[in-house]
């Protein structure tokens, strides 16, 4: 532990010295600090962003914080988007933002059920499903369109697990990195987990959103942030992440060691960050064919209208360059 502490302190001094000369870059997250933000925190605290010219400050989100609006207003340089639907909708609304990287190859959205009550996903069509309003308007419409779920079986989800725990013939929305942990602690059982990404819900997630003006006028800064984030995720998942975890907990004291460990394990187990194209093109990878395929499914499900020029919603100029692949091999002893 002493070695880790000394290392973290040394990295912090290096980062502080470098950042004195660097371009300020404020990045707003979409929720309170947690392991799901680990790659960003990692590169902020270990000097990776500073090494390529950015003095990064992470601005946590939360239930009363609209960091996307702050970015659009010029008070933040970047924002952590939830998924690609938001960027598609921004094009429709003529809001000048775009995605430049996707930290998560898979959205961590899941449906939870009691252990053993469903043998396949379509068995959930006989259950009450606790789904929030945002989920009902997005992925649940896809579930209706693709699998034949119904509006009648949906019940409002109030972010209280008690109704699900009490009813074996129910399912509940959640994130694979969070709600299963809470269910185990509160309900005393390990729920079955149905990962929507593995069932065909192909949106990218935890995206890096920027204003179009930023992409056009600060390409080197954008490259630094995208590359630094890829390296940060490699280090956070496979290297020494103690300093990043300490900073996450400083920003969110309610985040326990047990929750963070569970989340990191889930990120790895389900390939949320490092799977698919990321395995060969580097974390943050995106491709146009997948974007188009997902958009077509959202149009078919009635979630988005036809006719959006989705190519305006993202740029591939800063990703798919293999950043972090050699570092990952080194850290894993390959």
C-alpha atoms as a PDB file:
ATOM      1  CA  UNK A   1       0.000   0.000   0.000  1.00  0.00           C
ATOM      2  CA  UNK A   2       2.880   2.410   0.764  1.00  0.00           C
ATOM      3  CA  UNK A   3       4.306   1.854  -2.711  1.00  0.00           C
ATOM      4  CA  UNK A   4       0.922   2.645  -4.270  1.00  0.00           C
ATOM      5  CA  UNK A   5       0.523   5.784  -2.171  1.00  0.00           C
ATOM      6  CA  UNK A   6       3.989   7.064  -3.102  1.00  0.00           C
ATOM      7  CA  UNK A   7       3.318   6.335  -6.762  1.00  0.00           C
ATOM      8  CA  UNK A   8      -0.009   8.172  -6.656  1.00  0.00           C
ATOM      9  CA  UNK A   9       1.564  11.160  -4.954  1.00  0.00           C
ATOM     10  CA  UNK A  10       4.358  11.301  -7.521  1.00  0.00           C
ATOM     11  CA  UNK A  11       1.883  11.132 -10.381  1.00  0.00           C
ATOM     12  CA  UNK A  12      -0.136  13.948  -8.834  1.00  0.00           C
ATOM     13  CA  UNK A  13       2.946  16.161  -8.633  1.00  0.00           C
ATOM     14  CA  UNK A  14       3.816  15.425 -12.259  1.00  0.00           C
ATOM     15  CA  UNK A  15       0.267  16.224 -13.344  1.00  0.00           C
ATOM     16  CA  UNK A  16       0.199  19.457 -11.329  1.00  0.00           C
ATOM     17  CA  UNK A  17       3.495  20.650 -12.799  1.00  0.00           C
ATOM     18  CA  UNK A  18       2.422  19.882 -16.347  1.00  0.00           C
ATOM     19  CA  UNK A  19      -1.066  21.338 -15.993  1.00  0.00           C
ATOM     20  CA  UNK A  20       0.343  24.741 -15.066  1.00  0.00           C
ATOM     21  CA  UNK A  21       1.275  25.157 -18.743  1.00  0.00           C
ATOM     22  CA  UNK A  22      -1.709  23.365 -20.247  1.00  0.00           C
ATOM     23  CA  UNK A  23      -5.027  24.278 -21.833  1.00  0.00           C
ATOM     24  CA  UNK A  24      -7.921  24.175 -19.338  1.00  0.00           C
ATOM     25  CA  UNK A  25     -10.478  21.506 -20.238  1.00  0.00           C
ATOM     26  CA  UNK A  26     -13.614  21.027 -18.151  1.00  0.00           C
ATOM     27  CA  UNK A  27     -15.432  17.740 -18.721  1.00  0.00           C
ATOM     28  CA  UNK A  28     -18.905  17.274 -17.277  1.00  0.00           C
ATOM     29  CA  UNK A  29     -20.140  13.800 -16.400  1.00  0.00           C
ATOM     30  CA  UNK A  30     -23.787  12.769 -16.530  1.00  0.00           C
ATOM     31  CA  UNK A  31     -24.010  11.513 -12.954  1.00  0.00           C
ATOM     32  CA  UNK A  32     -22.212  11.563  -9.614  1.00  0.00           C
ATOM     33  CA  UNK A  33     -18.677  10.170  -9.515  1.00  0.00           C
ATOM     34  CA  UNK A  34     -18.500   6.395  -9.813  1.00  0.00           C
ATOM     35  CA  UNK A  35     -16.393   3.576 -11.234  1.00  0.00           C
ATOM     36  CA  UNK A  36     -18.230   3.947 -14.545  1.00  0.00           C
ATOM     37  CA  UNK A  37     -16.258   7.206 -14.941  1.00  0.00           C
ATOM     38  CA  UNK A  38     -12.981   5.561 -14.014  1.00  0.00           C
ATOM     39  CA  UNK A  39     -11.023   6.048 -17.243  1.00  0.00           C
ATOM     40  CA  UNK A  40     -11.586   9.801 -17.185  1.00  0.00           C
ATOM     41  CA  UNK A  41     -10.531  10.083 -13.556  1.00  0.00           C
ATOM     42  CA  UNK A  42      -7.522   7.846 -14.185  1.00  0.00           C
ATOM     43  CA  UNK A  43      -6.034  10.099 -16.861  1.00  0.00           C
ATOM     44  CA  UNK A  44      -6.803  13.227 -14.858  1.00  0.00           C
ATOM     45  CA  UNK A  45      -4.950  12.039 -11.755  1.00  0.00           C
ATOM     46  CA  UNK A  46      -2.047  10.162 -13.355  1.00  0.00           C
ATOM     47  CA  UNK A  47      -0.943  12.945 -15.693  1.00  0.00           C
ATOM     48  CA  UNK A  48      -1.969  11.340 -19.001  1.00  0.00           C
ATOM     49  CA  UNK A  49      -4.087  14.289 -20.094  1.00  0.00           C
ATOM     50  CA  UNK A  50      -1.470  16.728 -18.834  1.00  0.00           C
ATOM     51  CA  UNK A  51       1.251  14.963 -20.831  1.00  0.00           C
ATOM     52  CA  UNK A  52      -0.448  15.866 -24.103  1.00  0.00           C
ATOM     53  CA  UNK A  53      -1.398  19.404 -23.192  1.00  0.00           C
ATOM     54  CA  UNK A  54      -4.656  19.510 -21.222  1.00  0.00           C
ATOM     55  CA  UNK A  55      -5.390  20.613 -17.671  1.00  0.00           C
ATOM     56  CA  UNK A  56      -8.534  18.517 -17.182  1.00  0.00           C
ATOM     57  CA  UNK A  57     -11.116  19.135 -14.487  1.00  0.00           C
ATOM     58  CA  UNK A  58     -13.966  16.652 -14.126  1.00  0.00           C
ATOM     59  CA  UNK A  59     -17.265  18.300 -13.192  1.00  0.00           C
ATOM     60  CA  UNK A  60     -19.590  15.658 -11.707  1.00  0.00           C
ATOM     61  CA  UNK A  61     -23.224  15.522 -12.723  1.00  0.00           C
ATOM     62  CA  UNK A  62     -26.217  14.618 -10.609  1.00  0.00           C
ATOM     63  CA  UNK A  63     -30.004  14.801 -10.401  1.00  0.00           C
ATOM     64  CA  UNK A  64     -30.044  18.621 -10.302  1.00  0.00           C
ATOM     65  CA  UNK A  65     -27.137  19.213 -12.711  1.00  0.00           C
ATOM     66  CA  UNK A  66     -27.459  19.691 -16.479  1.00  0.00           C
ATOM     67  CA  UNK A  67     -23.887  19.471 -17.692  1.00  0.00           C
ATOM     68  CA  UNK A  68     -24.897  19.167 -21.358  1.00  0.00           C
ATOM     69  CA  UNK A  69     -26.570  22.589 -21.121  1.00  0.00           C
ATOM     70  CA  UNK A  70     -23.463  23.977 -19.437  1.00  0.00           C
ATOM     71  CA  UNK A  71     -21.337  22.681 -22.328  1.00  0.00           C
ATOM     72  CA  UNK A  72     -23.635  24.200 -24.928  1.00  0.00           C
ATOM     73  CA  UNK A  73     -23.441  27.481 -23.006  1.00  0.00           C
ATOM     74  CA  UNK A  74     -19.624  27.357 -23.156  1.00  0.00           C
ATOM     75  CA  UNK A  75     -19.017  26.699 -19.467  1.00  0.00           C
ATOM     76  CA  UNK A  76     -17.644  23.206 -20.132  1.00  0.00           C
ATOM     77  CA  UNK A  77     -15.503  21.942 -23.005  1.00  0.00           C
ATOM     78  CA  UNK A  78     -16.995  18.461 -23.073  1.00  0.00           C
ATOM     79  CA  UNK A  79     -19.817  16.297 -21.778  1.00  0.00           C
ATOM     80  CA  UNK A  80     -20.293  12.593 -21.082  1.00  0.00           C
ATOM     81  CA  UNK A  81     -23.319  11.579 -23.142  1.00  0.00           C
ATOM     82  CA  UNK A  82     -25.528   8.659 -22.227  1.00  0.00           C
ATOM     83  CA  UNK A  83     -25.957   7.074 -25.650  1.00  0.00           C
ATOM     84  CA  UNK A  84     -26.096   7.859 -29.354  1.00  0.00           C
ATOM     85  CA  UNK A  85     -29.837   8.570 -29.402  1.00  0.00           C
ATOM     86  CA  UNK A  86     -29.161  11.854 -27.640  1.00  0.00           C
ATOM     87  CA  UNK A  87     -26.733  12.950 -30.347  1.00  0.00           C
ATOM     88  CA  UNK A  88     -29.127  11.894 -33.121  1.00  0.00           C
ATOM     89  CA  UNK A  89     -31.875  13.916 -31.479  1.00  0.00           C
ATOM     90  CA  UNK A  90     -29.525  16.905 -31.154  1.00  0.00           C
ATOM     91  CA  UNK A  91     -29.103  16.893 -34.950  1.00  0.00           C
ATOM     92  CA  UNK A  92     -32.877  16.883 -35.324  1.00  0.00           C
ATOM     93  CA  UNK A  93     -33.106  19.830 -32.932  1.00  0.00           C
ATOM     94  CA  UNK A  94     -30.231  21.602 -34.739  1.00  0.00           C
ATOM     95  CA  UNK A  95     -28.118  21.642 -31.583  1.00  0.00           C
ATOM     96  CA  UNK A  96     -24.440  21.839 -32.676  1.00  0.00           C
ATOM     97  CA  UNK A  97     -22.962  18.950 -30.682  1.00  0.00           C
ATOM     98  CA  UNK A  98     -21.354  15.711 -31.828  1.00  0.00           C
ATOM     99  CA  UNK A  99     -19.815  12.510 -30.472  1.00  0.00           C
ATOM    100  CA  UNK A 100     -16.067  12.041 -30.982  1.00  0.00           C
ATOM    101  CA  UNK A 101     -15.579   8.772 -29.057  1.00  0.00           C
ATOM    102  CA  UNK A 102     -17.572   6.115 -27.207  1.00  0.00           C
ATOM    103  CA  UNK A 103     -15.936   4.966 -23.988  1.00  0.00           C
ATOM    104  CA  UNK A 104     -18.471   2.109 -23.700  1.00  0.00           C
ATOM    105  CA  UNK A 105     -18.968  -0.290 -26.577  1.00  0.00           C
ATOM    106  CA  UNK A 106     -22.114  -1.490 -24.818  1.00  0.00           C
ATOM    107  CA  UNK A 107     -24.738   0.435 -22.926  1.00  0.00           C
ATOM    108  CA  UNK A 108     -24.859  -1.150 -19.453  1.00  0.00           C
ATOM    109  CA  UNK A 109     -28.673  -1.133 -19.434  1.00  0.00           C
ATOM    110  CA  UNK A 110     -30.179  -4.399 -18.168  1.00  0.00           C
ATOM    111  CA  UNK A 111     -33.432  -5.956 -17.064  1.00  0.00           C
ATOM    112  CA  UNK A 112     -33.172  -7.911 -13.808  1.00  0.00           C
ATOM    113  CA  UNK A 113     -35.296 -10.910 -12.869  1.00  0.00           C
ATOM    114  CA  UNK A 114     -35.410 -13.278  -9.930  1.00  0.00           C
ATOM    115  CA  UNK A 115     -33.027 -16.198 -10.346  1.00  0.00           C
ATOM    116  CA  UNK A 116     -34.297 -19.002 -12.561  1.00  0.00           C
ATOM    117  CA  UNK A 117     -37.762 -17.633 -13.318  1.00  0.00           C
ATOM    118  CA  UNK A 118     -36.987 -16.987 -17.004  1.00  0.00           C
ATOM    119  CA  UNK A 119     -35.136 -19.301 -19.350  1.00  0.00           C
ATOM    120  CA  UNK A 120     -34.961 -16.800 -22.214  1.00  0.00           C
ATOM    121  CA  UNK A 121     -35.568 -13.104 -22.636  1.00  0.00           C
ATOM    122  CA  UNK A 122     -38.997 -13.475 -24.216  1.00  0.00           C
ATOM    123  CA  UNK A 123     -40.191 -15.200 -21.028  1.00  0.00           C
ATOM    124  CA  UNK A 124     -40.206 -11.719 -19.506  1.00  0.00           C
ATOM    125  CA  UNK A 125     -43.274 -10.895 -21.617  1.00  0.00           C
ATOM    126  CA  UNK A 126     -45.366 -12.647 -18.937  1.00  0.00           C
ATOM    127  CA  UNK A 127     -44.035 -10.413 -16.138  1.00  0.00           C
ATOM    128  CA  UNK A 128     -44.635  -6.968 -14.750  1.00  0.00           C
ATOM    129  CA  UNK A 129     -41.642  -4.830 -15.708  1.00  0.00           C
ATOM    130  CA  UNK A 130     -40.570  -1.838 -13.639  1.00  0.00           C
ATOM    131  CA  UNK A 131     -39.300   0.706 -16.172  1.00  0.00           C
ATOM    132  CA  UNK A 132     -38.723   4.435 -15.703  1.00  0.00           C
ATOM    133  CA  UNK A 133     -40.157   7.082 -18.004  1.00  0.00           C
ATOM    134  CA  UNK A 134     -36.891   7.635 -19.904  1.00  0.00           C
ATOM    135  CA  UNK A 135     -36.454   3.914 -20.432  1.00  0.00           C
ATOM    136  CA  UNK A 136     -40.051   3.501 -21.521  1.00  0.00           C
ATOM    137  CA  UNK A 137     -39.594   6.178 -24.194  1.00  0.00           C
ATOM    138  CA  UNK A 138     -36.392   4.628 -25.534  1.00  0.00           C
ATOM    139  CA  UNK A 139     -35.208   1.053 -25.094  1.00  0.00           C
ATOM    140  CA  UNK A 140     -38.615  -0.249 -23.990  1.00  0.00           C
ATOM    141  CA  UNK A 141     -40.109   0.893 -27.303  1.00  0.00           C
ATOM    142  CA  UNK A 142     -37.366  -1.143 -28.965  1.00  0.00           C
ATOM    143  CA  UNK A 143     -38.338  -4.127 -26.778  1.00  0.00           C
ATOM    144  CA  UNK A 144     -41.946  -3.719 -27.918  1.00  0.00           C
ATOM    145  CA  UNK A 145     -40.935  -3.492 -31.580  1.00  0.00           C
ATOM    146  CA  UNK A 146     -38.327  -6.253 -31.605  1.00  0.00           C
ATOM    147  CA  UNK A 147     -39.644  -8.799 -29.111  1.00  0.00           C
ATOM    148  CA  UNK A 148     -43.354  -8.073 -28.663  1.00  0.00           C
ATOM    149  CA  UNK A 149     -43.377  -6.675 -25.138  1.00  0.00           C
ATOM    150  CA  UNK A 150     -46.460  -4.604 -24.296  1.00  0.00           C
ATOM    151  CA  UNK A 151     -47.172  -1.216 -22.777  1.00  0.00           C
ATOM    152  CA  UNK A 152     -49.649  -2.827 -20.370  1.00  0.00           C
ATOM    153  CA  UNK A 153     -47.033  -4.900 -18.579  1.00  0.00           C
ATOM    154  CA  UNK A 154     -44.873  -1.899 -17.808  1.00  0.00           C
ATOM    155  CA  UNK A 155     -45.059  -0.379 -14.339  1.00  0.00           C
ATOM    156  CA  UNK A 156     -43.334   2.904 -13.368  1.00  0.00           C
ATOM    157  CA  UNK A 157     -39.926   2.437 -11.776  1.00  0.00           C
ATOM    158  CA  UNK A 158     -39.293   4.826  -8.877  1.00  0.00           C
ATOM    159  CA  UNK A 159     -35.677   3.809  -8.187  1.00  0.00           C
ATOM    160  CA  UNK A 160     -36.865   1.723  -5.267  1.00  0.00           C
ATOM    161  CA  UNK A 161     -35.958  -1.964  -5.511  1.00  0.00           C
ATOM    162  CA  UNK A 162     -38.472  -3.123  -2.879  1.00  0.00           C
ATOM    163  CA  UNK A 163     -41.366  -3.875  -5.302  1.00  0.00           C
ATOM    164  CA  UNK A 164     -39.084  -6.010  -7.461  1.00  0.00           C
ATOM    165  CA  UNK A 165     -37.559  -7.846  -4.514  1.00  0.00           C
ATOM    166  CA  UNK A 166     -41.042  -8.661  -3.161  1.00  0.00           C
ATOM    167  CA  UNK A 167     -42.494  -9.980  -6.443  1.00  0.00           C
ATOM    168  CA  UNK A 168     -40.912 -12.970  -8.153  1.00  0.00           C
ATOM    169  CA  UNK A 169     -43.031 -12.395 -11.260  1.00  0.00           C
ATOM    170  CA  UNK A 170     -41.487  -8.997 -11.950  1.00  0.00           C
ATOM    171  CA  UNK A 171     -38.481  -7.517 -13.665  1.00  0.00           C
ATOM    172  CA  UNK A 172     -36.664  -4.265 -13.045  1.00  0.00           C
ATOM    173  CA  UNK A 173     -34.488  -1.969 -15.099  1.00  0.00           C
ATOM    174  CA  UNK A 174     -30.939  -1.258 -13.990  1.00  0.00           C
ATOM    175  CA  UNK A 175     -27.301  -0.879 -14.933  1.00  0.00           C
ATOM    176  CA  UNK A 176     -25.229  -4.029 -14.886  1.00  0.00           C
ATOM    177  CA  UNK A 177     -22.606  -2.153 -12.859  1.00  0.00           C
ATOM    178  CA  UNK A 178     -24.940  -0.996 -10.103  1.00  0.00           C
ATOM    179  CA  UNK A 179     -28.414  -2.428  -9.482  1.00  0.00           C
ATOM    180  CA  UNK A 180     -27.384  -6.117  -9.256  1.00  0.00           C
ATOM    181  CA  UNK A 181     -25.085  -5.124  -6.396  1.00  0.00           C
ATOM    182  CA  UNK A 182     -27.918  -3.305  -4.617  1.00  0.00           C
ATOM    183  CA  UNK A 183     -30.310  -6.233  -5.108  1.00  0.00           C
ATOM    184  CA  UNK A 184     -27.811  -8.681  -3.615  1.00  0.00           C
ATOM    185  CA  UNK A 185     -27.385  -6.488  -0.556  1.00  0.00           C
ATOM    186  CA  UNK A 186     -31.035  -5.562  -0.052  1.00  0.00           C
ATOM    187  CA  UNK A 187     -32.761  -8.711  -1.279  1.00  0.00           C
ATOM    188  CA  UNK A 188     -30.244 -11.361  -0.330  1.00  0.00           C
ATOM    189  CA  UNK A 189     -30.192 -12.979  -3.779  1.00  0.00           C
ATOM    190  CA  UNK A 190     -28.237 -12.622  -6.997  1.00  0.00           C
ATOM    191  CA  UNK A 191     -30.618 -11.600  -9.804  1.00  0.00           C
ATOM    192  CA  UNK A 192     -30.482 -12.892 -13.336  1.00  0.00           C
ATOM    193  CA  UNK A 193     -29.176 -10.198 -15.653  1.00  0.00           C
ATOM    194  CA  UNK A 194     -30.430  -9.568 -19.198  1.00  0.00           C
ATOM    195  CA  UNK A 195     -28.007  -7.203 -20.943  1.00  0.00           C
ATOM    196  CA  UNK A 196     -29.885  -5.341 -23.667  1.00  0.00           C
ATOM    197  CA  UNK A 197     -26.696  -4.760 -25.655  1.00  0.00           C
ATOM    198  CA  UNK A 198     -26.221  -8.521 -25.954  1.00  0.00           C
ATOM    199  CA  UNK A 199     -29.796  -8.800 -27.252  1.00  0.00           C
ATOM    200  CA  UNK A 200     -29.251  -6.322 -30.075  1.00  0.00           C
ATOM    201  CA  UNK A 201     -29.618  -2.865 -28.515  1.00  0.00           C
ATOM    202  CA  UNK A 202     -26.520  -1.543 -30.255  1.00  0.00           C
ATOM    203  CA  UNK A 203     -26.133   2.007 -29.036  1.00  0.00           C
ATOM    204  CA  UNK A 204     -22.718   3.185 -27.922  1.00  0.00           C
ATOM    205  CA  UNK A 205     -22.641   4.625 -24.421  1.00  0.00           C
ATOM    206  CA  UNK A 206     -20.671   6.953 -22.154  1.00  0.00           C
ATOM    207  CA  UNK A 207     -19.820   9.033 -25.177  1.00  0.00           C
ATOM    208  CA  UNK A 208     -17.587  12.073 -25.415  1.00  0.00           C
ATOM    209  CA  UNK A 209     -19.795  14.887 -26.674  1.00  0.00           C
ATOM    210  CA  UNK A 210     -18.347  18.205 -27.810  1.00  0.00           C
ATOM    211  CA  UNK A 211     -19.649  21.311 -29.495  1.00  0.00           C
ATOM    212  CA  UNK A 212     -18.992  21.243 -33.231  1.00  0.00           C
ATOM    213  CA  UNK A 213     -17.055  24.500 -32.846  1.00  0.00           C
ATOM    214  CA  UNK A 214     -14.697  22.832 -30.368  1.00  0.00           C
ATOM    215  CA  UNK A 215     -14.033  19.943 -32.751  1.00  0.00           C
ATOM    216  CA  UNK A 216     -13.315  22.329 -35.623  1.00  0.00           C
ATOM    217  CA  UNK A 217     -11.170  24.878 -33.776  1.00  0.00           C
ATOM    218  CA  UNK A 218      -9.329  22.711 -31.204  1.00  0.00           C
ATOM    219  CA  UNK A 219      -8.518  19.417 -32.976  1.00  0.00           C
ATOM    220  CA  UNK A 220      -5.258  18.834 -31.082  1.00  0.00           C
ATOM    221  CA  UNK A 221      -7.005  19.294 -27.742  1.00  0.00           C
ATOM    222  CA  UNK A 222      -9.767  16.932 -28.850  1.00  0.00           C
ATOM    223  CA  UNK A 223      -7.187  14.345 -29.916  1.00  0.00           C
ATOM    224  CA  UNK A 224      -5.429  14.669 -26.562  1.00  0.00           C
ATOM    225  CA  UNK A 225      -8.656  14.138 -24.648  1.00  0.00           C
ATOM    226  CA  UNK A 226      -9.828  11.184 -26.760  1.00  0.00           C
ATOM    227  CA  UNK A 227      -6.437   9.446 -26.751  1.00  0.00           C
ATOM    228  CA  UNK A 228      -5.934  10.219 -23.075  1.00  0.00           C
ATOM    229  CA  UNK A 229      -9.325   8.748 -22.235  1.00  0.00           C
ATOM    230  CA  UNK A 230      -8.517   5.527 -24.105  1.00  0.00           C
ATOM    231  CA  UNK A 231      -5.264   5.202 -22.195  1.00  0.00           C
ATOM    232  CA  UNK A 232      -7.054   6.076 -18.970  1.00  0.00           C
ATOM    233  CA  UNK A 233      -9.523   3.246 -19.389  1.00  0.00           C
ATOM    234  CA  UNK A 234      -6.741   0.763 -20.124  1.00  0.00           C
ATOM    235  CA  UNK A 235      -4.886   1.827 -16.999  1.00  0.00           C
ATOM    236  CA  UNK A 236      -8.037   1.888 -14.880  1.00  0.00           C
ATOM    237  CA  UNK A 237      -9.182  -1.596 -15.920  1.00  0.00           C
ATOM    238  CA  UNK A 238      -5.818  -3.358 -16.121  1.00  0.00           C
ATOM    239  CA  UNK A 239      -3.298  -1.268 -14.175  1.00  0.00           C
ATOM    240  CA  UNK A 240      -2.942   0.589 -10.875  1.00  0.00           C
ATOM    241  CA  UNK A 241      -6.217   2.457 -10.370  1.00  0.00           C
ATOM    242  CA  UNK A 242      -5.816   3.329  -6.673  1.00  0.00           C
ATOM    243  CA  UNK A 243      -5.380   7.079  -7.212  1.00  0.00           C
ATOM    244  CA  UNK A 244      -8.380   7.261  -9.553  1.00  0.00           C
ATOM    245  CA  UNK A 245     -10.579   5.390  -7.085  1.00  0.00           C
ATOM    246  CA  UNK A 246      -9.467   7.718  -4.289  1.00  0.00           C
ATOM    247  CA  UNK A 247     -10.426  10.729  -6.401  1.00  0.00           C
ATOM    248  CA  UNK A 248     -13.814   9.221  -7.282  1.00  0.00           C
ATOM    249  CA  UNK A 249     -14.510   8.666  -3.598  1.00  0.00           C
ATOM    250  CA  UNK A 250     -13.371  12.194  -2.789  1.00  0.00           C
ATOM    251  CA  UNK A 251     -15.943  13.516  -5.266  1.00  0.00           C
ATOM    252  CA  UNK A 252     -18.570  11.039  -4.047  1.00  0.00           C
ATOM    253  CA  UNK A 253     -17.967   9.873  -0.460  1.00  0.00           C
ATOM    254  CA  UNK A 254     -21.011   7.577  -0.649  1.00  0.00           C
ATOM    255  CA  UNK A 255     -19.206   5.341  -3.161  1.00  0.00           C
ATOM    256  CA  UNK A 256     -17.976   2.337  -1.154  1.00  0.00           C
ATOM    257  CA  UNK A 257     -14.977   0.165  -1.915  1.00  0.00           C
ATOM    258  CA  UNK A 258     -17.336  -2.782  -2.390  1.00  0.00           C
ATOM    259  CA  UNK A 259     -19.513  -0.962  -4.925  1.00  0.00           C
ATOM    260  CA  UNK A 260     -16.497   0.211  -6.919  1.00  0.00           C
ATOM    261  CA  UNK A 261     -14.992  -3.280  -6.971  1.00  0.00           C
ATOM    262  CA  UNK A 262     -18.320  -4.733  -8.125  1.00  0.00           C
ATOM    263  CA  UNK A 263     -18.648  -2.129 -10.879  1.00  0.00           C
ATOM    264  CA  UNK A 264     -15.133  -2.643 -12.198  1.00  0.00           C
ATOM    265  CA  UNK A 265     -15.648  -6.401 -12.283  1.00  0.00           C
ATOM    266  CA  UNK A 266     -18.935  -5.954 -14.172  1.00  0.00           C
ATOM    267  CA  UNK A 267     -17.321  -3.594 -16.685  1.00  0.00           C
ATOM    268  CA  UNK A 268     -14.798  -6.331 -17.434  1.00  0.00           C
ATOM    269  CA  UNK A 269     -17.093  -9.358 -17.232  1.00  0.00           C
ATOM    270  CA  UNK A 270     -19.672  -7.966 -19.650  1.00  0.00           C
ATOM    271  CA  UNK A 271     -17.231  -6.229 -21.973  1.00  0.00           C
ATOM    272  CA  UNK A 272     -18.866  -2.862 -21.444  1.00  0.00           C
ATOM    273  CA  UNK A 273     -15.702  -0.879 -22.248  1.00  0.00           C
ATOM    274  CA  UNK A 274     -13.350  -3.284 -23.956  1.00  0.00           C
ATOM    275  CA  UNK A 275     -15.130  -5.492 -26.471  1.00  0.00           C
ATOM    276  CA  UNK A 276     -16.116  -5.526 -30.132  1.00  0.00           C
ATOM    277  CA  UNK A 277     -14.202  -3.012 -32.230  1.00  0.00           C
ATOM    278  CA  UNK A 278     -12.350  -1.737 -29.161  1.00  0.00           C
ATOM    279  CA  UNK A 279     -10.373  -4.984 -29.034  1.00  0.00           C
ATOM    280  CA  UNK A 280      -8.675  -4.223 -32.341  1.00  0.00           C
ATOM    281  CA  UNK A 281      -9.117  -0.459 -32.802  1.00  0.00           C
ATOM    282  CA  UNK A 282      -8.765   0.801 -29.240  1.00  0.00           C
ATOM    283  CA  UNK A 283     -11.172   1.892 -26.521  1.00  0.00           C
ATOM    284  CA  UNK A 284     -13.495   4.599 -27.788  1.00  0.00           C
ATOM    285  CA  UNK A 285     -13.951   2.909 -31.183  1.00  0.00           C
ATOM    286  CA  UNK A 286     -17.012   3.616 -33.319  1.00  0.00           C
ATOM    287  CA  UNK A 287     -18.136   2.655 -36.810  1.00  0.00           C
ATOM    288  CA  UNK A 288     -20.597   4.186 -39.245  1.00  0.00           C
ATOM    289  CA  UNK A 289     -22.361   0.927 -40.135  1.00  0.00           C
ATOM    290  CA  UNK A 290     -23.307   0.270 -36.525  1.00  0.00           C
ATOM    291  CA  UNK A 291     -24.493   3.861 -36.116  1.00  0.00           C
ATOM    292  CA  UNK A 292     -26.742   3.502 -39.169  1.00  0.00           C
ATOM    293  CA  UNK A 293     -28.047   0.114 -38.072  1.00  0.00           C
ATOM    294  CA  UNK A 294     -28.971   1.355 -34.618  1.00  0.00           C
ATOM    295  CA  UNK A 295     -30.640   4.461 -36.013  1.00  0.00           C
ATOM    296  CA  UNK A 296     -32.727   2.313 -38.375  1.00  0.00           C
ATOM    297  CA  UNK A 297     -33.894   0.220 -35.412  1.00  0.00           C
ATOM    298  CA  UNK A 298     -34.857   3.326 -33.446  1.00  0.00           C
ATOM    299  CA  UNK A 299     -36.836   4.621 -36.422  1.00  0.00           C
ATOM    300  CA  UNK A 300     -38.567   1.246 -36.765  1.00  0.00           C
ATOM    301  CA  UNK A 301     -39.424   1.316 -33.052  1.00  0.00           C
ATOM    302  CA  UNK A 302     -40.849   4.823 -33.309  1.00  0.00           C
ATOM    303  CA  UNK A 303     -38.250   6.284 -30.955  1.00  0.00           C
ATOM    304  CA  UNK A 304     -36.714   8.605 -33.554  1.00  0.00           C
ATOM    305  CA  UNK A 305     -38.121  10.042 -36.784  1.00  0.00           C
ATOM    306  CA  UNK A 306     -36.784   9.127 -40.205  1.00  0.00           C
ATOM    307  CA  UNK A 307     -34.713  11.622 -42.136  1.00  0.00           C
ATOM    308  CA  UNK A 308     -32.109  12.652 -39.545  1.00  0.00           C
ATOM    309  CA  UNK A 309     -28.663  13.152 -41.081  1.00  0.00           C
ATOM    310  CA  UNK A 310     -26.963  11.065 -38.432  1.00  0.00           C
ATOM    311  CA  UNK A 311     -23.501  11.532 -39.949  1.00  0.00           C
ATOM    312  CA  UNK A 312     -23.630  15.027 -38.445  1.00  0.00           C
ATOM    313  CA  UNK A 313     -24.009  13.437 -34.994  1.00  0.00           C
ATOM    314  CA  UNK A 314     -20.525  11.961 -34.768  1.00  0.00           C
ATOM    315  CA  UNK A 315     -16.960  12.088 -36.075  1.00  0.00           C
ATOM    316  CA  UNK A 316     -14.615   9.145 -36.602  1.00  0.00           C
ATOM    317  CA  UNK A 317     -11.582  11.410 -37.026  1.00  0.00           C
ATOM    318  CA  UNK A 318     -10.256  10.858 -33.514  1.00  0.00           C
ATOM    319  CA  UNK A 319     -10.899   7.136 -32.918  1.00  0.00           C
ATOM    320  CA  UNK A 320     -10.103   3.695 -34.356  1.00  0.00           C
ATOM    321  CA  UNK A 321      -6.333   4.299 -34.284  1.00  0.00           C
ATOM    322  CA  UNK A 322      -5.378   1.516 -31.879  1.00  0.00           C
ATOM    323  CA  UNK A 323      -4.530   3.818 -28.970  1.00  0.00           C
ATOM    324  CA  UNK A 324      -3.905   1.802 -25.820  1.00  0.00           C
ATOM    325  CA  UNK A 325      -3.560  -1.627 -27.426  1.00  0.00           C
ATOM    326  CA  UNK A 326       0.173  -1.923 -26.762  1.00  0.00           C
ATOM    327  CA  UNK A 327      -0.264  -0.587 -23.232  1.00  0.00           C
ATOM    328  CA  UNK A 328      -2.915  -3.208 -22.561  1.00  0.00           C
ATOM    329  CA  UNK A 329      -0.575  -5.983 -23.741  1.00  0.00           C
ATOM    330  CA  UNK A 330       2.147  -4.690 -21.467  1.00  0.00           C
ATOM    331  CA  UNK A 331      -0.108  -4.439 -18.437  1.00  0.00           C
ATOM    332  CA  UNK A 332      -1.479  -7.931 -19.041  1.00  0.00           C
ATOM    333  CA  UNK A 333       1.976  -9.410 -19.610  1.00  0.00           C
ATOM    334  CA  UNK A 334       1.279 -10.447 -23.187  1.00  0.00           C
END
